[in-house]
């Protein structure tokens, strides 16, 4: 058949350095009640903020943005794929991620999703 898999699917463990580009996430929305009188809330749904690397990132799903620079809107550019954070080493400022492809990653911009990997055994 034309759609048969010829190679086995395997995950690759990669080590990613936090600096100079940590993962980014969208800015949280500020409630109307927290704004000064007369001010209107701006649409922050595509405003990105850097994520401080921490152990909280373990099992988080990261999107690998196809953006070539930070000037591009990382939220509207296509994604090359997804990575799962396996561990975070705060001392070495690195994180180990599971990737469907071996090194090198095609781009360097990562977006943090709200999805966490849950292994059901």
PDB file of N, CA and C in Angstrom:
ATOM      1  N   UNK A   1       0.827  -1.208   0.000  1.00  0.00           N
ATOM      2  CA  UNK A   1       0.000   0.000   0.000  1.00  0.00           C
ATOM      3  C   UNK A   1       0.865   1.264   0.000  1.00  0.00           C
ATOM      4  N   UNK A   2       0.371   2.347  -0.579  1.00  0.00           N
ATOM      5  CA  UNK A   2       1.176   3.565  -0.695  1.00  0.00           C
ATOM      6  C   UNK A   2       1.420   4.291   0.628  1.00  0.00           C
ATOM      7  N   UNK A   3       0.647   4.024   1.680  1.00  0.00           N
ATOM      8  CA  UNK A   3       0.794   4.763   2.931  1.00  0.00           C
ATOM      9  C   UNK A   3       1.371   3.912   4.056  1.00  0.00           C
ATOM     10  N   UNK A   4       2.206   2.948   3.737  1.00  0.00           N
ATOM     11  CA  UNK A   4       2.793   2.119   4.782  1.00  0.00           C
ATOM     12  C   UNK A   4       4.025   2.801   5.349  1.00  0.00           C
ATOM     13  N   UNK A   5       4.273   2.577   6.626  1.00  0.00           N
ATOM     14  CA  UNK A   5       5.414   3.148   7.322  1.00  0.00           C
ATOM     15  C   UNK A   5       6.640   2.284   7.052  1.00  0.00           C
ATOM     16  N   UNK A   6       7.689   2.893   6.526  1.00  0.00           N
ATOM     17  CA  UNK A   6       8.879   2.115   6.176  1.00  0.00           C
ATOM     18  C   UNK A   6       9.938   2.149   7.280  1.00  0.00           C
ATOM     19  N   UNK A   7       9.875   3.125   8.173  1.00  0.00           N
ATOM     20  CA  UNK A   7      10.830   3.201   9.281  1.00  0.00           C
ATOM     21  C   UNK A   7      10.053   3.281  10.586  1.00  0.00           C
ATOM     22  N   UNK A   8      10.613   2.734  11.667  1.00  0.00           N
ATOM     23  CA  UNK A   8       9.905   2.801  12.950  1.00  0.00           C
ATOM     24  C   UNK A   8       9.897   4.227  13.506  1.00  0.00           C
ATOM     25  N   UNK A   9       8.855   4.554  14.244  1.00  0.00           N
ATOM     26  CA  UNK A   9       8.778   5.867  14.891  1.00  0.00           C
ATOM     27  C   UNK A   9       9.553   5.812  16.201  1.00  0.00           C
ATOM     28  N   UNK A  10      10.485   6.737  16.383  1.00  0.00           N
ATOM     29  CA  UNK A  10      11.262   6.792  17.613  1.00  0.00           C
ATOM     30  C   UNK A  10      11.345   8.232  18.094  1.00  0.00           C
ATOM     31  N   UNK A  11      11.466   8.396  19.401  1.00  0.00           N
ATOM     32  CA  UNK A  11      11.659   9.722  19.979  1.00  0.00           C
ATOM     33  C   UNK A  11      13.142   9.952  20.197  1.00  0.00           C
ATOM     34  N   UNK A  12      13.557  11.184  20.072  1.00  0.00           N
ATOM     35  CA  UNK A  12      14.952  11.560  20.267  1.00  0.00           C
ATOM     36  C   UNK A  12      15.026  12.501  21.469  1.00  0.00           C
ATOM     37  N   UNK A  13      15.992  12.283  22.339  1.00  0.00           N
ATOM     38  CA  UNK A  13      16.189  13.171  23.483  1.00  0.00           C
ATOM     39  C   UNK A  13      17.213  14.216  23.093  1.00  0.00           C
ATOM     40  N   UNK A  14      16.824  15.481  23.192  1.00  0.00           N
ATOM     41  CA  UNK A  14      17.700  16.602  22.864  1.00  0.00           C
ATOM     42  C   UNK A  14      17.874  17.464  24.101  1.00  0.00           C
ATOM     43  N   UNK A  15      19.019  18.139  24.204  1.00  0.00           N
ATOM     44  CA  UNK A  15      19.258  19.071  25.304  1.00  0.00           C
ATOM     45  C   UNK A  15      19.241  20.477  24.731  1.00  0.00           C
ATOM     46  N   UNK A  16      18.380  21.317  25.278  1.00  0.00           N
ATOM     47  CA  UNK A  16      18.188  22.682  24.792  1.00  0.00           C
ATOM     48  C   UNK A  16      18.636  23.656  25.872  1.00  0.00           C
ATOM     49  N   UNK A  17      19.454  24.630  25.506  1.00  0.00           N
ATOM     50  CA  UNK A  17      19.920  25.649  26.450  1.00  0.00           C
ATOM     51  C   UNK A  17      18.870  26.733  26.590  1.00  0.00           C
ATOM     52  N   UNK A  18      18.611  27.161  27.837  1.00  0.00           N
ATOM     53  CA  UNK A  18      17.607  28.205  28.093  1.00  0.00           C
ATOM     54  C   UNK A  18      17.988  29.530  27.454  1.00  0.00           C
ATOM     55  N   UNK A  19      19.262  29.865  27.482  1.00  0.00           N
ATOM     56  CA  UNK A  19      19.662  31.154  26.962  1.00  0.00           C
ATOM     57  C   UNK A  19      20.271  30.961  25.579  1.00  0.00           C
ATOM     58  N   UNK A  20      20.221  31.905  24.678  1.00  0.00           N
ATOM     59  CA  UNK A  20      19.682  33.234  24.892  1.00  0.00           C
ATOM     60  C   UNK A  20      18.160  33.325  24.717  1.00  0.00           C
ATOM     61  N   UNK A  21      17.518  32.237  24.258  1.00  0.00           N
ATOM     62  CA  UNK A  21      16.086  32.306  23.994  1.00  0.00           C
ATOM     63  C   UNK A  21      15.306  31.287  24.814  1.00  0.00           C
ATOM     64  N   UNK A  22      14.709  31.725  25.918  1.00  0.00           N
ATOM     65  CA  UNK A  22      13.858  30.795  26.669  1.00  0.00           C
ATOM     66  C   UNK A  22      12.538  30.594  25.936  1.00  0.00           C
ATOM     67  N   UNK A  23      11.757  29.597  26.320  1.00  0.00           N
ATOM     68  CA  UNK A  23      10.426  29.471  25.720  1.00  0.00           C
ATOM     69  C   UNK A  23       9.591  30.715  26.015  1.00  0.00           C
ATOM     70  N   UNK A  24       8.594  30.971  25.200  1.00  0.00           N
ATOM     71  CA  UNK A  24       7.687  32.103  25.390  1.00  0.00           C
ATOM     72  C   UNK A  24       6.266  31.586  25.547  1.00  0.00           C
ATOM     73  N   UNK A  25       5.420  32.386  26.146  1.00  0.00           N
ATOM     74  CA  UNK A  25       4.006  32.075  26.256  1.00  0.00           C
ATOM     75  C   UNK A  25       3.224  33.370  26.071  1.00  0.00           C
ATOM     76  N   UNK A  26       1.924  33.257  25.858  1.00  0.00           N
ATOM     77  CA  UNK A  26       1.118  34.460  25.704  1.00  0.00           C
ATOM     78  C   UNK A  26       0.908  35.116  27.052  1.00  0.00           C
ATOM     79  N   UNK A  27       0.800  36.436  27.037  1.00  0.00           N
ATOM     80  CA  UNK A  27       0.614  37.198  28.271  1.00  0.00           C
ATOM     81  C   UNK A  27      -0.767  36.922  28.846  1.00  0.00           C
ATOM     82  N   UNK A  28      -0.862  36.814  30.179  1.00  0.00           N
ATOM     83  CA  UNK A  28      -2.186  36.594  30.780  1.00  0.00           C
ATOM     84  C   UNK A  28      -3.062  37.830  30.609  1.00  0.00           C
ATOM     85  N   UNK A  29      -4.351  37.608  30.474  1.00  0.00           N
ATOM     86  CA  UNK A  29      -5.291  38.719  30.314  1.00  0.00           C
ATOM     87  C   UNK A  29      -5.491  39.416  31.658  1.00  0.00           C
ATOM     88  N   UNK A  30      -5.506  40.730  31.618  1.00  0.00           N
ATOM     89  CA  UNK A  30      -5.751  41.522  32.827  1.00  0.00           C
ATOM     90  C   UNK A  30      -7.255  41.750  32.928  1.00  0.00           C
ATOM     91  N   UNK A  31      -7.867  41.441  34.090  1.00  0.00           N
ATOM     92  CA  UNK A  31      -9.306  41.659  34.215  1.00  0.00           C
ATOM     93  C   UNK A  31      -9.652  43.151  34.178  1.00  0.00           C
ATOM     94  N   UNK A  32     -10.826  43.439  33.650  1.00  0.00           N
ATOM     95  CA  UNK A  32     -11.289  44.830  33.556  1.00  0.00           C
ATOM     96  C   UNK A  32     -11.243  45.530  34.914  1.00  0.00           C
ATOM     97  N   UNK A  33     -11.557  44.802  35.982  1.00  0.00           N
ATOM     98  CA  UNK A  33     -11.611  45.404  37.322  1.00  0.00           C
ATOM     99  C   UNK A  33     -10.241  45.844  37.823  1.00  0.00           C
ATOM    100  N   UNK A  34      -9.152  45.334  37.229  1.00  0.00           N
ATOM    101  CA  UNK A  34      -7.814  45.696  37.665  1.00  0.00           C
ATOM    102  C   UNK A  34      -7.258  46.902  36.911  1.00  0.00           C
ATOM    103  N   UNK A  35      -7.982  47.382  35.909  1.00  0.00           N
ATOM    104  CA  UNK A  35      -7.515  48.519  35.117  1.00  0.00           C
ATOM    105  C   UNK A  35      -7.929  49.839  35.758  1.00  0.00           C
ATOM    106  N   UNK A  36      -7.111  50.897  35.571  1.00  0.00           N
ATOM    107  CA  UNK A  36      -7.513  52.222  36.060  1.00  0.00           C
ATOM    108  C   UNK A  36      -8.790  52.675  35.362  1.00  0.00           C
ATOM    109  N   UNK A  37      -9.547  53.537  36.013  1.00  0.00           N
ATOM    110  CA  UNK A  37     -10.795  54.049  35.445  1.00  0.00           C
ATOM    111  C   UNK A  37     -10.558  54.689  34.087  1.00  0.00           C
ATOM    112  N   UNK A  38     -11.411  54.371  33.142  1.00  0.00           N
ATOM    113  CA  UNK A  38     -11.333  54.956  31.809  1.00  0.00           C
ATOM    114  C   UNK A  38     -10.419  54.209  30.843  1.00  0.00           C
ATOM    115  N   UNK A  39      -9.633  53.268  31.322  1.00  0.00           N
ATOM    116  CA  UNK A  39      -8.739  52.526  30.430  1.00  0.00           C
ATOM    117  C   UNK A  39      -9.454  51.284  29.919  1.00  0.00           C
ATOM    118  N   UNK A  40      -9.123  50.911  28.688  1.00  0.00           N
ATOM    119  CA  UNK A  40      -9.677  49.702  28.100  1.00  0.00           C
ATOM    120  C   UNK A  40      -8.591  48.646  27.999  1.00  0.00           C
ATOM    121  N   UNK A  41      -9.001  47.404  28.107  1.00  0.00           N
ATOM    122  CA  UNK A  41      -8.056  46.298  28.030  1.00  0.00           C
ATOM    123  C   UNK A  41      -7.593  46.127  26.588  1.00  0.00           C
ATOM    124  N   UNK A  42      -6.265  45.935  26.422  1.00  0.00           N
ATOM    125  CA  UNK A  42      -5.708  45.650  25.098  1.00  0.00           C
ATOM    126  C   UNK A  42      -5.799  44.157  24.840  1.00  0.00           C
ATOM    127  N   UNK A  43      -5.854  43.792  23.571  1.00  0.00           N
ATOM    128  CA  UNK A  43      -5.877  42.380  23.214  1.00  0.00           C
ATOM    129  C   UNK A  43      -4.469  41.826  23.403  1.00  0.00           C
ATOM    130  N   UNK A  44      -4.268  41.024  24.444  1.00  0.00           N
ATOM    131  CA  UNK A  44      -2.958  40.454  24.722  1.00  0.00           C
ATOM    132  C   UNK A  44      -2.847  39.010  24.283  1.00  0.00           C
ATOM    133  N   UNK A  45      -3.792  38.558  23.462  1.00  0.00           N
ATOM    134  CA  UNK A  45      -3.803  37.146  23.087  1.00  0.00           C
ATOM    135  C   UNK A  45      -2.591  36.734  22.259  1.00  0.00           C
ATOM    136  N   UNK A  46      -1.923  37.711  21.628  1.00  0.00           N
ATOM    137  CA  UNK A  46      -0.726  37.367  20.861  1.00  0.00           C
ATOM    138  C   UNK A  46       0.508  38.095  21.379  1.00  0.00           C
ATOM    139  N   UNK A  47       0.410  38.707  22.553  1.00  0.00           N
ATOM    140  CA  UNK A  47       1.567  39.353  23.165  1.00  0.00           C
ATOM    141  C   UNK A  47       2.364  38.280  23.907  1.00  0.00           C
ATOM    142  N   UNK A  48       3.648  38.146  23.557  1.00  0.00           N
ATOM    143  CA  UNK A  48       4.459  37.078  24.140  1.00  0.00           C
ATOM    144  C   UNK A  48       5.333  37.585  25.269  1.00  0.00           C
ATOM    145  N   UNK A  49       5.506  36.744  26.271  1.00  0.00           N
ATOM    146  CA  UNK A  49       6.404  37.041  27.382  1.00  0.00           C
ATOM    147  C   UNK A  49       7.325  35.826  27.571  1.00  0.00           C
ATOM    148  N   UNK A  50       8.590  36.065  27.934  1.00  0.00           N
ATOM    149  CA  UNK A  50       9.493  34.940  28.160  1.00  0.00           C
ATOM    150  C   UNK A  50       9.059  34.140  29.388  1.00  0.00           C
ATOM    151  N   UNK A  51       9.308  32.846  29.345  1.00  0.00           N
ATOM    152  CA  UNK A  51       8.988  31.959  30.458  1.00  0.00           C
ATOM    153  C   UNK A  51      10.263  31.734  31.258  1.00  0.00           C
ATOM    154  N   UNK A  52      10.176  31.964  32.553  1.00  0.00           N
ATOM    155  CA  UNK A  52      11.327  31.702  33.419  1.00  0.00           C
ATOM    156  C   UNK A  52      11.487  30.188  33.557  1.00  0.00           C
ATOM    157  N   UNK A  53      12.617  29.630  33.109  1.00  0.00           N
ATOM    158  CA  UNK A  53      12.804  28.181  33.210  1.00  0.00           C
ATOM    159  C   UNK A  53      12.719  27.711  34.663  1.00  0.00           C
ATOM    160  N   UNK A  54      11.979  26.641  34.878  1.00  0.00           N
ATOM    161  CA  UNK A  54      11.831  26.067  36.217  1.00  0.00           C
ATOM    162  C   UNK A  54      11.407  24.611  36.073  1.00  0.00           C
ATOM    163  N   UNK A  55      11.375  23.916  37.189  1.00  0.00           N
ATOM    164  CA  UNK A  55      10.943  22.512  37.197  1.00  0.00           C
ATOM    165  C   UNK A  55       9.468  22.389  36.793  1.00  0.00           C
ATOM    166  N   UNK A  56       8.710  23.492  36.855  1.00  0.00           N
ATOM    167  CA  UNK A  56       7.297  23.477  36.445  1.00  0.00           C
ATOM    168  C   UNK A  56       7.125  23.171  34.957  1.00  0.00           C
ATOM    169  N   UNK A  57       8.192  23.315  34.181  1.00  0.00           N
ATOM    170  CA  UNK A  57       8.113  23.051  32.739  1.00  0.00           C
ATOM    171  C   UNK A  57       8.111  21.555  32.406  1.00  0.00           C
ATOM    172  N   UNK A  58       8.487  20.708  33.373  1.00  0.00           N
ATOM    173  CA  UNK A  58       8.554  19.269  33.108  1.00  0.00           C
ATOM    174  C   UNK A  58       7.182  18.760  32.658  1.00  0.00           C
ATOM    175  N   UNK A  59       7.182  17.994  31.582  1.00  0.00           N
ATOM    176  CA  UNK A  59       6.006  17.416  30.916  1.00  0.00           C
ATOM    177  C   UNK A  59       5.177  18.444  30.145  1.00  0.00           C
ATOM    178  N   UNK A  60       5.666  19.664  30.036  1.00  0.00           N
ATOM    179  CA  UNK A  60       4.971  20.669  29.219  1.00  0.00           C
ATOM    180  C   UNK A  60       5.220  20.385  27.748  1.00  0.00           C
ATOM    181  N   UNK A  61       4.265  20.769  26.919  1.00  0.00           N
ATOM    182  CA  UNK A  61       4.396  20.621  25.467  1.00  0.00           C
ATOM    183  C   UNK A  61       4.782  21.975  24.889  1.00  0.00           C
ATOM    184  N   UNK A  62       5.865  21.990  24.112  1.00  0.00           N
ATOM    185  CA  UNK A  62       6.355  23.199  23.463  1.00  0.00           C
ATOM    186  C   UNK A  62       6.137  23.085  21.966  1.00  0.00           C
ATOM    187  N   UNK A  63       5.720  24.177  21.365  1.00  0.00           N
ATOM    188  CA  UNK A  63       5.581  24.234  19.920  1.00  0.00           C
ATOM    189  C   UNK A  63       6.856  24.854  19.357  1.00  0.00           C
ATOM    190  N   UNK A  64       7.401  24.272  18.306  1.00  0.00           N
ATOM    191  CA  UNK A  64       8.588  24.804  17.649  1.00  0.00           C
ATOM    192  C   UNK A  64       8.129  25.692  16.503  1.00  0.00           C
ATOM    193  N   UNK A  65       8.236  27.006  16.702  1.00  0.00           N
ATOM    194  CA  UNK A  65       7.767  27.977  15.714  1.00  0.00           C
ATOM    195  C   UNK A  65       8.707  28.008  14.515  1.00  0.00           C
ATOM    196  N   UNK A  66       8.150  28.194  13.331  1.00  0.00           N
ATOM    197  CA  UNK A  66       8.951  28.312  12.115  1.00  0.00           C
ATOM    198  C   UNK A  66       9.415  29.751  11.863  1.00  0.00           C
ATOM    199  N   UNK A  67       9.206  30.636  12.824  1.00  0.00           N
ATOM    200  CA  UNK A  67       9.659  32.029  12.686  1.00  0.00           C
ATOM    201  C   UNK A  67      11.178  32.063  12.545  1.00  0.00           C
ATOM    202  N   UNK A  68      11.658  33.018  11.764  1.00  0.00           N
ATOM    203  CA  UNK A  68      13.102  33.155  11.567  1.00  0.00           C
ATOM    204  C   UNK A  68      13.696  34.261  12.432  1.00  0.00           C
ATOM    205  N   UNK A  69      12.838  35.116  13.015  1.00  0.00           N
ATOM    206  CA  UNK A  69      13.309  36.171  13.911  1.00  0.00           C
ATOM    207  C   UNK A  69      12.209  36.503  14.919  1.00  0.00           C
ATOM    208  N   UNK A  70      12.591  37.171  16.011  1.00  0.00           N
ATOM    209  CA  UNK A  70      11.618  37.537  17.033  1.00  0.00           C
ATOM    210  C   UNK A  70      10.707  38.678  16.577  1.00  0.00           C
ATOM    211  N   UNK A  71      11.056  39.336  15.488  1.00  0.00           N
ATOM    212  CA  UNK A  71      10.212  40.405  14.966  1.00  0.00           C
ATOM    213  C   UNK A  71       8.923  39.846  14.359  1.00  0.00           C
ATOM    214  N   UNK A  72       8.965  38.584  13.935  1.00  0.00           N
ATOM    215  CA  UNK A  72       7.758  37.944  13.407  1.00  0.00           C
ATOM    216  C   UNK A  72       6.820  37.638  14.560  1.00  0.00           C
ATOM    217  N   UNK A  73       5.530  37.570  14.279  1.00  0.00           N
ATOM    218  CA  UNK A  73       4.564  37.214  15.304  1.00  0.00           C
ATOM    219  C   UNK A  73       4.603  35.697  15.480  1.00  0.00           C
ATOM    220  N   UNK A  74       5.239  35.249  16.546  1.00  0.00           N
ATOM    221  CA  UNK A  74       5.440  33.816  16.753  1.00  0.00           C
ATOM    222  C   UNK A  74       4.128  33.048  16.877  1.00  0.00           C
ATOM    223  N   UNK A  75       3.056  33.742  17.254  1.00  0.00           N
ATOM    224  CA  UNK A  75       1.762  33.075  17.426  1.00  0.00           C
ATOM    225  C   UNK A  75       1.053  32.805  16.102  1.00  0.00           C
ATOM    226  N   UNK A  76       1.426  33.517  15.052  1.00  0.00           N
ATOM    227  CA  UNK A  76       0.724  33.348  13.782  1.00  0.00           C
ATOM    228  C   UNK A  76       1.556  32.609  12.736  1.00  0.00           C
ATOM    229  N   UNK A  77       2.812  32.321  13.039  1.00  0.00           N
ATOM    230  CA  UNK A  77       3.682  31.589  12.122  1.00  0.00           C
ATOM    231  C   UNK A  77       3.431  30.093  12.313  1.00  0.00           C
ATOM    232  N   UNK A  78       3.576  29.317  11.272  1.00  0.00           N
ATOM    233  CA  UNK A  78       3.369  27.867  11.342  1.00  0.00           C
ATOM    234  C   UNK A  78       4.298  27.210  12.360  1.00  0.00           C
ATOM    235  N   UNK A  79       3.880  26.065  12.831  1.00  0.00           N
ATOM    236  CA  UNK A  79       4.674  25.295  13.770  1.00  0.00           C
ATOM    237  C   UNK A  79       5.343  24.138  13.031  1.00  0.00           C
ATOM    238  N   UNK A  80       6.610  23.886  13.359  1.00  0.00           N
ATOM    239  CA  UNK A  80       7.331  22.767  12.745  1.00  0.00           C
ATOM    240  C   UNK A  80       6.983  21.457  13.436  1.00  0.00           C
ATOM    241  N   UNK A  81       6.513  21.549  14.665  1.00  0.00           N
ATOM    242  CA  UNK A  81       6.185  20.348  15.425  1.00  0.00           C
ATOM    243  C   UNK A  81       6.141  20.650  16.906  1.00  0.00           C
ATOM    244  N   UNK A  82       6.128  19.599  17.706  1.00  0.00           N
ATOM    245  CA  UNK A  82       5.976  19.761  19.145  1.00  0.00           C
ATOM    246  C   UNK A  82       7.030  18.958  19.885  1.00  0.00           C
ATOM    247  N   UNK A  83       7.465  19.502  21.027  1.00  0.00           N
ATOM    248  CA  UNK A  83       8.453  18.868  21.879  1.00  0.00           C
ATOM    249  C   UNK A  83       7.838  18.686  23.261  1.00  0.00           C
ATOM    250  N   UNK A  84       8.268  17.663  23.969  1.00  0.00           N
ATOM    251  CA  UNK A  84       7.820  17.432  25.344  1.00  0.00           C
ATOM    252  C   UNK A  84       9.023  17.615  26.266  1.00  0.00           C
ATOM    253  N   UNK A  85       8.894  18.485  27.273  1.00  0.00           N
ATOM    254  CA  UNK A  85       9.986  18.709  28.220  1.00  0.00           C
ATOM    255  C   UNK A  85      10.076  17.499  29.145  1.00  0.00           C
ATOM    256  N   UNK A  86      11.236  16.853  29.139  1.00  0.00           N
ATOM    257  CA  UNK A  86      11.454  15.658  29.944  1.00  0.00           C
ATOM    258  C   UNK A  86      12.073  15.990  31.296  1.00  0.00           C
ATOM    259  N   UNK A  87      12.986  16.961  31.318  1.00  0.00           N
ATOM    260  CA  UNK A  87      13.615  17.389  32.566  1.00  0.00           C
ATOM    261  C   UNK A  87      14.191  18.784  32.386  1.00  0.00           C
ATOM    262  N   UNK A  88      14.397  19.459  33.521  1.00  0.00           N
ATOM    263  CA  UNK A  88      14.985  20.801  33.520  1.00  0.00           C
ATOM    264  C   UNK A  88      16.147  20.782  34.501  1.00  0.00           C
ATOM    265  N   UNK A  89      17.328  21.210  34.052  1.00  0.00           N
ATOM    266  CA  UNK A  89      18.502  21.308  34.908  1.00  0.00           C
ATOM    267  C   UNK A  89      18.775  22.785  35.141  1.00  0.00           C
ATOM    268  N   UNK A  90      18.395  23.265  36.316  1.00  0.00           N
ATOM    269  CA  UNK A  90      18.535  24.689  36.618  1.00  0.00           C
ATOM    270  C   UNK A  90      20.009  25.085  36.743  1.00  0.00           C
ATOM    271  N   UNK A  91      20.838  24.178  37.222  1.00  0.00           N
ATOM    272  CA  UNK A  91      22.255  24.476  37.413  1.00  0.00           C
ATOM    273  C   UNK A  91      22.953  24.700  36.073  1.00  0.00           C
ATOM    274  N   UNK A  92      22.669  23.834  35.099  1.00  0.00           N
ATOM    275  CA  UNK A  92      23.288  23.940  33.772  1.00  0.00           C
ATOM    276  C   UNK A  92      22.493  24.822  32.826  1.00  0.00           C
ATOM    277  N   UNK A  93      21.307  25.279  33.255  1.00  0.00           N
ATOM    278  CA  UNK A  93      20.424  26.106  32.431  1.00  0.00           C
ATOM    279  C   UNK A  93      20.067  25.402  31.121  1.00  0.00           C
ATOM    280  N   UNK A  94      19.729  24.109  31.231  1.00  0.00           N
ATOM    281  CA  UNK A  94      19.319  23.337  30.060  1.00  0.00           C
ATOM    282  C   UNK A  94      18.044  22.566  30.380  1.00  0.00           C
ATOM    283  N   UNK A  95      17.364  22.147  29.333  1.00  0.00           N
ATOM    284  CA  UNK A  95      16.234  21.253  29.504  1.00  0.00           C
ATOM    285  C   UNK A  95      16.351  20.138  28.472  1.00  0.00           C
ATOM    286  N   UNK A  96      15.942  18.968  28.893  1.00  0.00           N
ATOM    287  CA  UNK A  96      15.946  17.796  28.034  1.00  0.00           C
ATOM    288  C   UNK A  96      14.541  17.676  27.450  1.00  0.00           C
ATOM    289  N   UNK A  97      14.446  17.578  26.125  1.00  0.00           N
ATOM    290  CA  UNK A  97      13.147  17.490  25.467  1.00  0.00           C
ATOM    291  C   UNK A  97      13.081  16.241  24.601  1.00  0.00           C
ATOM    292  N   UNK A  98      11.880  15.704  24.458  1.00  0.00           N
ATOM    293  CA  UNK A  98      11.638  14.595  23.543  1.00  0.00           C
ATOM    294  C   UNK A  98      11.172  15.190  22.220  1.00  0.00           C
ATOM    295  N   UNK A  99      11.810  14.761  21.148  1.00  0.00           N
ATOM    296  CA  UNK A  99      11.534  15.300  19.824  1.00  0.00           C
ATOM    297  C   UNK A  99      11.286  14.159  18.844  1.00  0.00           C
ATOM    298  N   UNK A 100      10.387  14.360  17.865  1.00  0.00           N
ATOM    299  CA  UNK A 100      10.174  13.314  16.854  1.00  0.00           C
ATOM    300  C   UNK A 100      11.306  13.246  15.835  1.00  0.00           C
ATOM    301  N   UNK A 101      12.202  14.236  15.838  1.00  0.00           N
ATOM    302  CA  UNK A 101      13.313  14.264  14.876  1.00  0.00           C
ATOM    303  C   UNK A 101      14.623  14.519  15.619  1.00  0.00           C
ATOM    304  N   UNK A 102      15.740  14.014  15.088  1.00  0.00           N
ATOM    305  CA  UNK A 102      17.033  14.253  15.735  1.00  0.00           C
ATOM    306  C   UNK A 102      17.508  15.686  15.532  1.00  0.00           C
ATOM    307  N   UNK A 103      18.588  16.010  16.209  1.00  0.00           N
ATOM    308  CA  UNK A 103      19.203  17.333  16.054  1.00  0.00           C
ATOM    309  C   UNK A 103      19.629  17.538  14.610  1.00  0.00           C
ATOM    310  N   UNK A 104      19.768  18.731  14.141  1.00  0.00           N
ATOM    311  CA  UNK A 104      19.438  19.995  14.786  1.00  0.00           C
ATOM    312  C   UNK A 104      17.962  20.345  14.592  1.00  0.00           C
ATOM    313  N   UNK A 105      17.431  21.139  15.513  1.00  0.00           N
ATOM    314  CA  UNK A 105      16.063  21.631  15.343  1.00  0.00           C
ATOM    315  C   UNK A 105      16.069  22.651  14.209  1.00  0.00           C
ATOM    316  N   UNK A 106      15.010  22.708  13.399  1.00  0.00           N
ATOM    317  CA  UNK A 106      14.999  23.623  12.254  1.00  0.00           C
ATOM    318  C   UNK A 106      14.953  25.105  12.637  1.00  0.00           C
ATOM    319  N   UNK A 107      14.450  25.440  13.808  1.00  0.00           N
ATOM    320  CA  UNK A 107      14.376  26.827  14.280  1.00  0.00           C
ATOM    321  C   UNK A 107      14.645  26.844  15.780  1.00  0.00           C
ATOM    322  N   UNK A 108      14.688  28.061  16.361  1.00  0.00           N
ATOM    323  CA  UNK A 108      15.055  28.169  17.772  1.00  0.00           C
ATOM    324  C   UNK A 108      13.977  28.785  18.661  1.00  0.00           C
ATOM    325  N   UNK A 109      12.809  29.101  18.115  1.00  0.00           N
ATOM    326  CA  UNK A 109      11.768  29.758  18.904  1.00  0.00           C
ATOM    327  C   UNK A 109      10.747  28.744  19.404  1.00  0.00           C
ATOM    328  N   UNK A 110      10.601  28.679  20.721  1.00  0.00           N
ATOM    329  CA  UNK A 110       9.687  27.734  21.351  1.00  0.00           C
ATOM    330  C   UNK A 110       8.533  28.473  22.019  1.00  0.00           C
ATOM    331  N   UNK A 111       7.328  27.931  21.864  1.00  0.00           N
ATOM    332  CA  UNK A 111       6.143  28.501  22.507  1.00  0.00           C
ATOM    333  C   UNK A 111       5.594  27.483  23.489  1.00  0.00           C
ATOM    334  N   UNK A 112       5.380  27.919  24.713  1.00  0.00           N
ATOM    335  CA  UNK A 112       4.843  27.052  25.755  1.00  0.00           C
ATOM    336  C   UNK A 112       3.336  26.948  25.609  1.00  0.00           C
ATOM    337  N   UNK A 113       2.827  25.727  25.620  1.00  0.00           N
ATOM    338  CA  UNK A 113       1.379  25.544  25.559  1.00  0.00           C
ATOM    339  C   UNK A 113       0.857  25.293  26.970  1.00  0.00           C
ATOM    340  N   UNK A 114      -0.441  25.243  27.113  1.00  0.00           N
ATOM    341  CA  UNK A 114      -1.050  24.947  28.407  1.00  0.00           C
ATOM    342  C   UNK A 114      -1.219  23.447  28.597  1.00  0.00           C
ATOM    343  N   UNK A 115      -0.817  22.665  27.599  1.00  0.00           N
ATOM    344  CA  UNK A 115      -0.987  21.212  27.625  1.00  0.00           C
ATOM    345  C   UNK A 115       0.189  20.570  28.352  1.00  0.00           C
ATOM    346  N   UNK A 116      -0.112  19.601  29.207  1.00  0.00           N
ATOM    347  CA  UNK A 116       0.906  18.812  29.900  1.00  0.00           C
ATOM    348  C   UNK A 116       0.774  17.357  29.441  1.00  0.00           C
ATOM    349  N   UNK A 117       1.895  16.687  29.244  1.00  0.00           N
ATOM    350  CA  UNK A 117       1.890  15.288  28.854  1.00  0.00           C
ATOM    351  C   UNK A 117       1.546  14.438  30.063  1.00  0.00           C
ATOM    352  N   UNK A 118       0.605  13.531  29.910  1.00  0.00           N
ATOM    353  CA  UNK A 118       0.219  12.611  30.980  1.00  0.00           C
ATOM    354  C   UNK A 118       0.376  11.199  30.449  1.00  0.00           C
ATOM    355  N   UNK A 119       1.282  10.431  31.027  1.00  0.00           N
ATOM    356  CA  UNK A 119       1.498   9.057  30.598  1.00  0.00           C
ATOM    357  C   UNK A 119       0.584   8.144  31.409  1.00  0.00           C
ATOM    358  N   UNK A 120      -0.317   7.458  30.736  1.00  0.00           N
ATOM    359  CA  UNK A 120      -1.257   6.560  31.413  1.00  0.00           C
ATOM    360  C   UNK A 120      -0.704   5.153  31.303  1.00  0.00           C
ATOM    361  N   UNK A 121      -0.370   4.593  32.449  1.00  0.00           N
ATOM    362  CA  UNK A 121       0.172   3.223  32.459  1.00  0.00           C
ATOM    363  C   UNK A 121      -0.710   2.336  33.299  1.00  0.00           C
TER     364      UNK A 121
END
